[in-house]
N, C-alpha and C. Protein backbone atom coordinates (compact mmCIF):
# COMPACT_ATOMS: atom_id res chain seq x y z
N MET A 1 7.76 -22.48 3.46
CA MET A 1 8.96 -22.40 4.73
C MET A 1 8.03 -21.31 4.80
N SER A 2 7.30 -21.25 5.98
CA SER A 2 6.38 -20.58 6.63
C SER A 2 6.98 -19.45 8.49
N THR A 3 6.77 -18.41 8.59
CA THR A 3 7.05 -17.87 9.28
C THR A 3 6.57 -17.81 10.68
N SER A 4 6.78 -17.15 11.56
CA SER A 4 5.54 -17.28 13.18
C SER A 4 5.64 -16.16 13.28
N ILE A 5 5.53 -15.11 12.73
CA ILE A 5 5.00 -13.59 13.16
C ILE A 5 3.65 -13.67 12.72
N SER A 6 2.90 -12.93 13.93
CA SER A 6 1.37 -12.86 13.35
C SER A 6 0.96 -11.44 13.09
N ASN A 7 -0.14 -11.36 12.28
CA ASN A 7 -1.04 -10.24 11.62
C ASN A 7 -0.71 -9.07 12.56
N GLU A 8 -0.91 -9.05 13.93
CA GLU A 8 -0.74 -7.65 14.62
C GLU A 8 0.50 -7.36 14.37
N ASN A 9 1.65 -7.78 14.22
CA ASN A 9 2.67 -7.57 14.18
C ASN A 9 3.32 -6.39 12.72
N LEU A 10 2.20 -7.30 11.83
CA LEU A 10 2.30 -6.56 10.20
C LEU A 10 1.87 -4.78 10.26
N ARG A 11 2.50 -3.62 9.85
CA ARG A 11 1.97 -2.66 9.66
C ARG A 11 1.68 -2.50 8.53
N ILE A 12 0.37 -1.70 7.75
CA ILE A 12 -0.37 -1.87 6.61
C ILE A 12 -0.66 -0.52 6.32
N MET A 13 -0.21 0.45 5.39
CA MET A 13 -0.22 1.75 5.20
C MET A 13 -1.12 1.75 3.73
N VAL A 14 -2.67 2.46 3.89
CA VAL A 14 -3.29 2.67 2.99
C VAL A 14 -3.45 4.32 2.60
N ILE A 15 -3.01 4.50 1.37
CA ILE A 15 -3.12 5.73 1.17
C ILE A 15 -3.81 6.12 -0.18
N ASP A 16 -5.20 6.74 0.54
CA ASP A 16 -6.42 7.28 -1.01
C ASP A 16 -6.83 8.71 0.11
N ASP A 17 -7.19 9.71 -0.85
CA ASP A 17 -8.27 10.52 -0.31
C ASP A 17 -9.75 10.30 -0.38
N SER A 18 -9.89 9.19 -0.68
CA SER A 18 -11.50 8.97 -0.35
C SER A 18 -11.43 8.07 1.06
N SER A 19 -12.10 8.62 1.49
CA SER A 19 -12.81 7.90 2.98
C SER A 19 -12.98 6.95 3.04
N THR A 20 -14.27 6.58 1.92
CA THR A 20 -14.69 5.18 2.32
C THR A 20 -13.23 4.19 1.91
N ILE A 21 -13.25 4.18 0.88
CA ILE A 21 -11.64 3.16 0.53
C ILE A 21 -10.97 3.28 1.68
N ARG A 22 -10.70 4.30 2.09
CA ARG A 22 -9.48 4.16 3.59
C ARG A 22 -10.24 3.09 4.50
N ARG A 23 -11.74 3.31 5.20
CA ARG A 23 -12.77 2.73 6.04
C ARG A 23 -12.28 1.12 5.55
N SER A 24 -12.77 1.09 4.52
CA SER A 24 -13.07 -0.20 3.88
C SER A 24 -11.96 -0.81 4.24
N ALA A 25 -10.63 -0.58 3.72
CA ALA A 25 -9.19 -0.99 3.89
C ALA A 25 -9.06 -1.54 4.99
N GLU A 26 -9.32 -0.55 6.01
CA GLU A 26 -9.33 -0.40 7.25
C GLU A 26 -9.99 -1.81 8.09
N ILE A 27 -10.92 -1.54 7.79
CA ILE A 27 -12.30 -3.05 7.99
C ILE A 27 -11.62 -4.37 7.50
N PHE A 28 -11.44 -4.29 6.52
CA PHE A 28 -10.98 -5.80 6.12
C PHE A 28 -9.93 -5.95 6.61
N LEU A 29 -8.84 -5.39 6.17
CA LEU A 29 -7.07 -5.48 7.74
C LEU A 29 -7.46 -6.07 8.82
N GLY A 30 -8.37 -4.79 9.38
CA GLY A 30 -8.42 -4.86 10.96
C GLY A 30 -9.06 -5.83 11.54
N GLN A 31 -10.02 -6.55 10.87
CA GLN A 31 -10.49 -7.76 10.70
C GLN A 31 -9.80 -8.95 10.95
N VAL A 32 -8.82 -9.10 9.98
CA VAL A 32 -7.48 -10.30 10.17
C VAL A 32 -6.38 -9.89 11.43
N GLY A 33 -6.43 -9.03 11.96
CA GLY A 33 -5.64 -8.21 12.75
C GLY A 33 -4.37 -7.59 12.61
N TYR A 34 -4.35 -6.96 11.36
CA TYR A 34 -3.19 -6.04 10.77
C TYR A 34 -3.49 -5.33 11.19
N LYS A 35 -2.52 -3.96 11.52
CA LYS A 35 -2.08 -2.67 12.11
C LYS A 35 -2.11 -2.02 10.72
N VAL A 36 -3.51 -1.03 10.98
CA VAL A 36 -3.29 -0.52 9.50
C VAL A 36 -2.63 1.38 10.07
N ILE A 37 -2.22 1.76 9.12
CA ILE A 37 -1.55 3.11 9.53
C ILE A 37 -2.73 3.84 8.60
N LEU A 38 -3.49 5.06 8.14
CA LEU A 38 -4.26 5.91 6.92
C LEU A 38 -3.85 7.11 6.84
N ALA A 39 -3.48 7.11 5.43
CA ALA A 39 -3.19 8.77 5.14
C ALA A 39 -3.83 9.30 4.09
N GLU A 40 -4.11 10.60 4.38
CA GLU A 40 -4.87 11.42 2.98
C GLU A 40 -4.75 11.11 1.60
N ASP A 41 -3.03 11.68 1.97
CA ASP A 41 -2.45 12.07 0.35
C ASP A 41 -1.03 11.87 0.95
N GLY A 42 -0.38 11.99 -0.59
CA GLY A 42 1.04 11.41 -0.51
C GLY A 42 1.68 12.10 0.63
N PHE A 43 1.58 13.56 1.16
CA PHE A 43 2.12 14.30 1.74
C PHE A 43 2.33 14.00 3.42
N ASP A 44 0.91 13.18 3.43
CA ASP A 44 0.26 12.97 4.90
C ASP A 44 1.41 11.08 4.85
N ALA A 45 1.12 10.67 4.04
CA ALA A 45 1.70 9.35 4.02
C ALA A 45 3.59 9.44 4.30
N LEU A 46 4.08 10.33 3.47
CA LEU A 46 5.26 10.79 3.71
C LEU A 46 5.73 11.36 5.03
N ALA A 47 4.96 11.88 5.36
CA ALA A 47 5.03 12.24 7.20
C ALA A 47 4.88 11.15 8.08
N LYS A 48 4.57 10.35 7.87
CA LYS A 48 4.12 8.81 8.51
C LYS A 48 4.75 7.57 8.48
N ILE A 49 5.39 7.55 7.17
CA ILE A 49 6.26 6.56 6.43
C ILE A 49 7.23 6.49 8.05
N ASN A 50 8.19 7.52 7.77
CA ASN A 50 9.55 6.86 8.39
C ASN A 50 9.00 7.05 10.15
N ASP A 51 8.09 7.08 10.46
CA ASP A 51 7.14 7.00 12.32
C ASP A 51 6.72 5.39 12.24
N THR A 52 6.17 5.48 11.22
CA THR A 52 5.41 3.54 11.47
C THR A 52 6.34 2.11 10.58
N HIS A 53 7.29 2.58 9.74
CA HIS A 53 7.90 1.71 9.04
C HIS A 53 6.76 0.60 8.47
N PRO A 54 6.00 0.65 7.63
CA PRO A 54 4.87 -0.20 7.55
C PRO A 54 5.51 -1.41 6.11
N HIS A 55 5.06 -2.52 6.24
CA HIS A 55 5.74 -3.46 5.82
C HIS A 55 4.88 -3.57 4.43
N LEU A 56 3.82 -2.88 3.93
CA LEU A 56 3.46 -2.92 2.50
C LEU A 56 2.90 -1.37 2.58
N ILE A 57 2.52 -1.31 1.51
CA ILE A 57 1.60 0.28 1.41
C ILE A 57 1.19 0.24 0.06
N PHE A 58 -0.25 0.32 0.47
CA PHE A 58 -1.59 0.81 -0.77
C PHE A 58 -1.41 2.02 -1.30
N CYS A 59 -1.10 2.51 -2.34
CA CYS A 59 -1.24 4.14 -2.59
C CYS A 59 -2.51 4.35 -3.94
N ASP A 60 -3.63 4.65 -3.59
CA ASP A 60 -4.10 5.58 -4.73
C ASP A 60 -3.21 6.25 -5.83
N ILE A 61 -3.40 6.36 -6.89
CA ILE A 61 -3.47 7.29 -7.88
C ILE A 61 -3.17 8.20 -8.01
N LEU A 62 -4.79 8.77 -7.75
CA LEU A 62 -5.38 9.86 -8.47
C LEU A 62 -5.61 10.54 -6.77
N MET A 63 -4.79 11.21 -6.04
CA MET A 63 -4.82 12.11 -5.44
C MET A 63 -4.27 13.17 -5.33
N PRO A 64 -4.85 15.07 -4.28
CA PRO A 64 -4.56 15.75 -4.73
C PRO A 64 -3.18 16.08 -3.80
N ARG A 65 -2.30 17.47 -4.77
CA ARG A 65 -1.21 17.56 -4.39
C ARG A 65 0.01 16.51 -4.65
N LEU A 66 -0.05 15.80 -4.17
CA LEU A 66 0.96 14.44 -4.55
C LEU A 66 0.34 13.15 -5.15
N ASP A 67 0.24 13.27 -6.47
CA ASP A 67 -0.20 12.31 -6.41
C ASP A 67 0.18 10.29 -6.40
N GLY A 68 -0.31 9.64 -6.44
CA GLY A 68 0.27 8.29 -5.97
C GLY A 68 1.60 7.69 -6.72
N TYR A 69 1.67 8.38 -8.06
CA TYR A 69 2.85 8.07 -8.93
C TYR A 69 4.03 8.81 -8.39
N GLN A 70 3.98 9.91 -7.86
CA GLN A 70 4.95 10.36 -7.51
C GLN A 70 5.76 10.07 -5.64
N THR A 71 3.99 10.08 -5.43
CA THR A 71 4.42 9.31 -3.92
C THR A 71 4.86 7.69 -3.82
N CYS A 72 4.64 7.18 -4.75
CA CYS A 72 5.96 5.56 -4.99
C CYS A 72 7.08 6.27 -5.51
N ALA A 73 7.41 7.15 -6.28
CA ALA A 73 8.42 7.13 -6.76
C ALA A 73 9.50 8.02 -5.67
N LEU A 74 9.20 8.44 -4.86
CA LEU A 74 9.97 8.89 -3.47
C LEU A 74 10.03 8.09 -2.79
N ILE A 75 9.13 7.28 -2.32
CA ILE A 75 9.12 5.98 -1.36
C ILE A 75 9.96 5.42 -1.98
N LYS A 76 10.63 5.06 -3.36
CA LYS A 76 11.39 4.06 -3.62
C LYS A 76 12.73 4.36 -4.00
N LYS A 77 12.18 6.13 -3.99
CA LYS A 77 14.19 6.84 -3.78
C LYS A 77 14.57 6.50 -2.24
N SER A 78 13.94 6.30 -1.65
CA SER A 78 14.33 6.25 -0.29
C SER A 78 15.14 4.86 -0.21
N ALA A 79 16.46 4.91 0.37
CA ALA A 79 17.53 3.84 0.63
C ALA A 79 16.43 2.76 1.77
N LYS A 80 15.58 3.60 2.50
CA LYS A 80 15.33 3.05 4.14
C LYS A 80 14.24 2.32 3.68
N PHE A 81 13.44 2.84 2.79
CA PHE A 81 11.97 2.20 1.96
C PHE A 81 12.20 1.52 0.77
N ARG A 82 13.07 1.33 0.21
CA ARG A 82 13.16 1.48 -1.19
C ARG A 82 12.19 -0.48 -1.92
N ASP A 83 12.81 -0.86 -0.47
CA ASP A 83 12.46 -2.75 -0.84
C ASP A 83 11.13 -2.75 -0.10
N THR A 84 10.09 -1.45 0.38
CA THR A 84 8.87 -1.88 0.54
C THR A 84 7.68 -2.28 -0.10
N PRO A 85 6.89 -2.87 -0.09
CA PRO A 85 6.67 -2.92 -1.49
C PRO A 85 5.56 -2.13 -1.35
N VAL A 86 5.28 -1.60 -2.62
CA VAL A 86 3.47 -0.43 -3.27
C VAL A 86 3.00 -1.22 -4.12
N ILE A 87 1.76 -1.05 -3.47
CA ILE A 87 0.59 -1.26 -4.29
C ILE A 87 -0.23 -0.62 -5.11
N MET A 88 -0.54 -0.21 -6.27
CA MET A 88 -1.17 0.92 -6.63
C MET A 88 -2.56 0.24 -6.69
N LEU A 89 -3.51 1.60 -6.19
CA LEU A 89 -4.95 1.31 -6.38
C LEU A 89 -5.25 2.44 -6.82
N SER A 90 -6.21 2.11 -7.96
CA SER A 90 -6.81 2.71 -9.01
C SER A 90 -8.38 2.10 -9.50
N SER A 91 -9.15 3.19 -10.26
CA SER A 91 -10.17 2.87 -10.55
C SER A 91 -10.22 2.45 -11.83
N LYS A 92 -9.10 2.90 -12.45
CA LYS A 92 -8.77 2.76 -13.70
C LYS A 92 -8.05 1.45 -14.08
N ASP A 93 -8.19 0.97 -15.23
CA ASP A 93 -7.27 -0.07 -15.39
C ASP A 93 -6.80 -0.52 -16.80
N GLY A 94 -6.07 0.73 -17.05
CA GLY A 94 -5.55 0.52 -18.08
C GLY A 94 -4.25 0.09 -18.47
N LEU A 95 -3.66 -0.68 -19.38
CA LEU A 95 -2.65 -1.04 -19.51
C LEU A 95 -1.46 0.65 -19.22
N PHE A 96 -1.98 1.41 -19.76
CA PHE A 96 -0.97 2.28 -19.66
C PHE A 96 -0.77 3.11 -17.86
N ASP A 97 -1.95 3.22 -17.27
CA ASP A 97 -1.63 3.05 -15.81
C ASP A 97 -1.13 2.16 -15.12
N ARG A 98 -1.11 0.87 -15.45
CA ARG A 98 -0.22 -0.08 -15.08
C ARG A 98 1.37 -0.02 -15.34
N ALA A 99 1.61 0.37 -16.62
CA ALA A 99 3.13 0.61 -16.87
C ALA A 99 3.84 1.48 -16.05
N ARG A 100 3.01 2.67 -16.30
CA ARG A 100 3.33 3.96 -15.77
C ARG A 100 3.74 3.56 -13.85
N GLY A 101 2.66 3.00 -13.39
CA GLY A 101 3.01 2.37 -11.83
C GLY A 101 4.18 1.60 -12.17
N ALA A 102 4.70 0.58 -13.24
CA ALA A 102 5.67 0.11 -12.66
C ALA A 102 6.97 0.60 -13.05
N MET A 103 6.90 1.58 -13.52
CA MET A 103 8.08 2.44 -13.97
C MET A 103 7.88 3.24 -12.88
N VAL A 104 7.38 3.40 -11.98
CA VAL A 104 7.96 4.04 -10.56
C VAL A 104 8.32 3.29 -9.33
N GLY A 105 7.97 2.25 -9.75
CA GLY A 105 8.86 0.77 -8.57
C GLY A 105 7.59 0.47 -7.98
N SER A 106 6.24 0.58 -8.26
CA SER A 106 5.24 -0.70 -7.78
C SER A 106 5.27 -1.72 -8.07
N GLU A 107 5.09 -2.40 -7.42
CA GLU A 107 5.31 -4.15 -7.05
C GLU A 107 3.76 -4.86 -7.76
N GLU A 108 2.84 -4.06 -7.71
CA GLU A 108 1.57 -4.70 -7.96
C GLU A 108 0.61 -3.43 -8.80
N TYR A 109 -0.34 -3.88 -8.91
CA TYR A 109 -1.84 -3.00 -9.48
C TYR A 109 -3.25 -3.38 -9.03
N LEU A 110 -4.04 -2.92 -8.12
CA LEU A 110 -4.95 -3.33 -7.76
C LEU A 110 -6.25 -2.25 -8.06
N THR A 111 -7.15 -3.07 -8.78
CA THR A 111 -8.14 -1.92 -9.44
C THR A 111 -9.22 -1.95 -8.23
N LYS A 112 -10.08 -0.60 -8.13
CA LYS A 112 -10.94 -0.05 -6.92
C LYS A 112 -11.90 -0.31 -7.71
N PRO A 113 -13.39 -0.70 -7.07
CA PRO A 113 -13.44 -1.08 -5.89
C PRO A 113 -12.53 -2.47 -5.35
N PHE A 114 -11.81 -2.62 -4.62
CA PHE A 114 -11.39 -4.05 -4.13
C PHE A 114 -12.36 -4.89 -3.34
N THR A 115 -12.19 -6.05 -3.54
CA THR A 115 -13.14 -7.03 -2.44
C THR A 115 -11.98 -7.19 -1.27
N LYS A 116 -12.24 -7.32 -0.49
CA LYS A 116 -11.49 -8.07 0.76
C LYS A 116 -11.50 -8.97 0.62
N ASP A 117 -11.46 -10.35 -0.16
CA ASP A 117 -10.66 -11.58 -0.74
C ASP A 117 -9.09 -11.06 -1.48
N SER A 118 -9.55 -9.72 -2.37
CA SER A 118 -8.25 -9.57 -3.34
C SER A 118 -7.54 -8.61 -2.65
N LEU A 119 -7.45 -7.82 -1.51
CA LEU A 119 -7.00 -7.26 -0.61
C LEU A 119 -6.23 -8.03 0.07
N LEU A 120 -6.73 -8.75 0.94
CA LEU A 120 -5.99 -9.75 1.45
C LEU A 120 -5.01 -10.69 1.05
N LYS A 121 -5.60 -11.07 -0.30
CA LYS A 121 -4.83 -12.18 -1.11
C LYS A 121 -3.56 -11.19 -1.50
N THR A 122 -3.66 -9.93 -1.81
CA THR A 122 -2.19 -9.02 -2.30
C THR A 122 -1.58 -9.05 -1.21
N VAL A 123 -1.85 -8.66 0.22
CA VAL A 123 -1.24 -8.99 1.43
C VAL A 123 -0.37 -9.98 1.70
N ARG A 124 -1.11 -11.08 1.60
CA ARG A 124 -0.14 -12.45 1.90
C ARG A 124 0.88 -12.47 1.19
N LYS A 125 0.83 -12.19 -0.17
CA LYS A 125 1.34 -11.98 -1.33
C LYS A 125 2.78 -11.69 -1.10
N TYR A 126 2.89 -10.39 -0.66
CA TYR A 126 4.04 -9.14 -0.35
C TYR A 126 4.48 -9.67 1.06
N THR A 127 3.78 -9.71 1.96
CA THR A 127 4.09 -9.51 3.14
C THR A 127 5.06 -10.87 4.01
N SER A 128 4.47 -11.62 3.45
CA SER A 128 5.68 -13.02 3.80
C SER A 128 7.24 -13.11 3.44
N GLU A 129 7.78 -11.97 2.41
CA GLU A 129 8.58 -11.25 2.02
C GLU A 129 9.10 -10.56 3.42
N ALA A 130 7.90 -9.41 3.29
CA ALA A 130 8.72 -8.51 4.16
C ALA A 130 9.16 -8.85 5.75
N ILE A 131 8.15 -10.08 6.47
CA ILE A 131 8.57 -10.66 7.46
C ILE A 131 9.75 -11.04 7.24
N SER A 132 10.12 -11.49 6.43
CA SER A 132 11.34 -12.46 6.93
C SER A 132 12.64 -11.75 6.81
N ASN A 133 12.61 -10.19 6.35
CA ASN A 133 13.47 -9.16 6.38
C ASN A 133 13.89 -8.81 7.81
């Protein structure tokens, strides 16, 4: 069952304190037409989420001020955004990190540096559900 929504109608937020990671994600996602919202940290993201209503959020774990676990937990506590998929991003690939991400409500864990294919595969996996809501 496919939907008739186009890529440019999908809003994807990337929260990462690394300008290189934000830029890479913006290029990879932008090349296939997704609308990309960038945030430098959790506070920046929380300020932008309400205005942009992203369909999917990629969230770095290690960030200053408000880390990815705290950011994800706050997003998932919101009645408005609790069903928005949050994918944790980290250079660490440990079982503990994955478990902690799941405990705060993240749907998946993507290891950095990610490839264009792994990023787009993750987007396709979670946005088909977001579109139909």
